[in-house]
């Protein structure tokens, strides 16, 4: 799969996760895909949530990995 196709699939997958984050007052923003790592920024309530690491690991990473096996990790960046 080409990088552009992977990025489109990442964005589509994040769109399916977004409503669950929105229910708790948060959101996720796609930043970059590089070297099989997805860089995102958690925003809103998710930004300062004590469970943000769980959201990244058990929510975003697991869901993205199911859809795109090439993904090796998800990193929350603080911009």
C-alpha atoms as a PDB file:
ATOM      1  CA  UNK A   1       0.000   0.000   0.000  1.00  0.00           C
ATOM      2  CA  UNK A   2       1.311   3.451  -0.909  1.00  0.00           C
ATOM      3  CA  UNK A   3       1.874   6.092   1.756  1.00  0.00           C
ATOM      4  CA  UNK A   4      -0.991   8.236   0.443  1.00  0.00           C
ATOM      5  CA  UNK A   5      -3.375   5.264   0.648  1.00  0.00           C
ATOM      6  CA  UNK A   6      -2.260   4.525   4.198  1.00  0.00           C
ATOM      7  CA  UNK A   7      -2.781   8.163   5.223  1.00  0.00           C
ATOM      8  CA  UNK A   8      -6.296   8.133   3.728  1.00  0.00           C
ATOM      9  CA  UNK A   9      -7.085   4.917   5.595  1.00  0.00           C
ATOM     10  CA  UNK A  10      -5.678   6.388   8.847  1.00  0.00           C
ATOM     11  CA  UNK A  11      -7.864   9.487   8.486  1.00  0.00           C
ATOM     12  CA  UNK A  12     -10.943   7.384   7.715  1.00  0.00           C
ATOM     13  CA  UNK A  13     -10.281   5.154  10.720  1.00  0.00           C
ATOM     14  CA  UNK A  14      -9.799   8.176  12.995  1.00  0.00           C
ATOM     15  CA  UNK A  15     -13.143   9.475  11.732  1.00  0.00           C
ATOM     16  CA  UNK A  16     -14.795   6.275  13.009  1.00  0.00           C
ATOM     17  CA  UNK A  17     -13.161   6.725  16.443  1.00  0.00           C
ATOM     18  CA  UNK A  18     -13.846  10.454  16.700  1.00  0.00           C
ATOM     19  CA  UNK A  19     -17.504  10.213  17.859  1.00  0.00           C
ATOM     20  CA  UNK A  20     -16.429   8.235  20.940  1.00  0.00           C
ATOM     21  CA  UNK A  21     -13.860  10.882  21.838  1.00  0.00           C
ATOM     22  CA  UNK A  22     -16.396  13.645  21.163  1.00  0.00           C
ATOM     23  CA  UNK A  23     -18.829  12.082  23.648  1.00  0.00           C
ATOM     24  CA  UNK A  24     -16.288  12.801  26.389  1.00  0.00           C
ATOM     25  CA  UNK A  25     -15.503  16.305  25.096  1.00  0.00           C
ATOM     26  CA  UNK A  26     -12.319  15.330  23.273  1.00  0.00           C
ATOM     27  CA  UNK A  27     -11.061  14.896  19.756  1.00  0.00           C
ATOM     28  CA  UNK A  28      -8.085  13.654  17.771  1.00  0.00           C
ATOM     29  CA  UNK A  29      -6.177  15.411  15.011  1.00  0.00           C
ATOM     30  CA  UNK A  30      -4.006  13.572  12.470  1.00  0.00           C
ATOM     31  CA  UNK A  31      -0.536  15.136  12.298  1.00  0.00           C
ATOM     32  CA  UNK A  32       1.720  12.824  10.300  1.00  0.00           C
ATOM     33  CA  UNK A  33       2.498   9.265   9.216  1.00  0.00           C
ATOM     34  CA  UNK A  34       6.207   8.478   9.119  1.00  0.00           C
ATOM     35  CA  UNK A  35       8.238   5.258   9.420  1.00  0.00           C
ATOM     36  CA  UNK A  36       5.095   3.211  10.222  1.00  0.00           C
ATOM     37  CA  UNK A  37       4.263   5.506  13.163  1.00  0.00           C
ATOM     38  CA  UNK A  38       1.089   7.602  13.304  1.00  0.00           C
ATOM     39  CA  UNK A  39       1.457  10.996  14.961  1.00  0.00           C
ATOM     40  CA  UNK A  40      -1.735  12.489  16.356  1.00  0.00           C
ATOM     41  CA  UNK A  41      -2.705  15.266  18.719  1.00  0.00           C
ATOM     42  CA  UNK A  42      -5.397  14.659  21.296  1.00  0.00           C
ATOM     43  CA  UNK A  43      -7.443  17.815  21.827  1.00  0.00           C
ATOM     44  CA  UNK A  44     -10.247  19.044  24.050  1.00  0.00           C
ATOM     45  CA  UNK A  45     -10.887  17.010  27.181  1.00  0.00           C
ATOM     46  CA  UNK A  46      -8.602  14.223  25.877  1.00  0.00           C
ATOM     47  CA  UNK A  47      -5.603  16.553  25.969  1.00  0.00           C
ATOM     48  CA  UNK A  48      -5.340  16.643  29.760  1.00  0.00           C
ATOM     49  CA  UNK A  49      -7.146  13.407  30.581  1.00  0.00           C
ATOM     50  CA  UNK A  50      -5.448  10.964  32.927  1.00  0.00           C
ATOM     51  CA  UNK A  51      -6.461   8.158  30.569  1.00  0.00           C
ATOM     52  CA  UNK A  52      -4.978   9.670  27.403  1.00  0.00           C
ATOM     53  CA  UNK A  53      -2.223   7.012  27.303  1.00  0.00           C
ATOM     54  CA  UNK A  54      -4.912   4.318  27.421  1.00  0.00           C
ATOM     55  CA  UNK A  55      -6.815   6.093  24.660  1.00  0.00           C
ATOM     56  CA  UNK A  56      -3.690   6.085  22.496  1.00  0.00           C
ATOM     57  CA  UNK A  57      -2.651   2.495  23.262  1.00  0.00           C
ATOM     58  CA  UNK A  58      -5.953   0.651  23.608  1.00  0.00           C
ATOM     59  CA  UNK A  59      -8.179   2.824  21.448  1.00  0.00           C
ATOM     60  CA  UNK A  60      -6.314   4.452  18.621  1.00  0.00           C
ATOM     61  CA  UNK A  61      -3.394   2.052  18.193  1.00  0.00           C
ATOM     62  CA  UNK A  62      -5.445  -1.153  18.442  1.00  0.00           C
ATOM     63  CA  UNK A  63      -8.093   0.129  16.023  1.00  0.00           C
ATOM     64  CA  UNK A  64      -5.561   1.462  13.519  1.00  0.00           C
ATOM     65  CA  UNK A  65      -3.460  -1.714  13.732  1.00  0.00           C
ATOM     66  CA  UNK A  66      -6.538  -3.830  12.891  1.00  0.00           C
ATOM     67  CA  UNK A  67      -7.178  -1.742   9.782  1.00  0.00           C
ATOM     68  CA  UNK A  68      -3.566  -1.135   8.743  1.00  0.00           C
ATOM     69  CA  UNK A  69      -1.158  -3.910   9.832  1.00  0.00           C
ATOM     70  CA  UNK A  70       1.894  -1.836   8.809  1.00  0.00           C
ATOM     71  CA  UNK A  71       1.353   0.551  11.718  1.00  0.00           C
ATOM     72  CA  UNK A  72       3.846  -0.008  14.537  1.00  0.00           C
ATOM     73  CA  UNK A  73       2.779   2.718  16.919  1.00  0.00           C
ATOM     74  CA  UNK A  74       0.763   5.840  17.654  1.00  0.00           C
ATOM     75  CA  UNK A  75       2.354   8.869  19.301  1.00  0.00           C
ATOM     76  CA  UNK A  76       0.485  11.793  20.832  1.00  0.00           C
ATOM     77  CA  UNK A  77       2.398  14.985  20.052  1.00  0.00           C
ATOM     78  CA  UNK A  78       2.134  18.151  22.082  1.00  0.00           C
ATOM     79  CA  UNK A  79       2.167  21.098  19.683  1.00  0.00           C
END
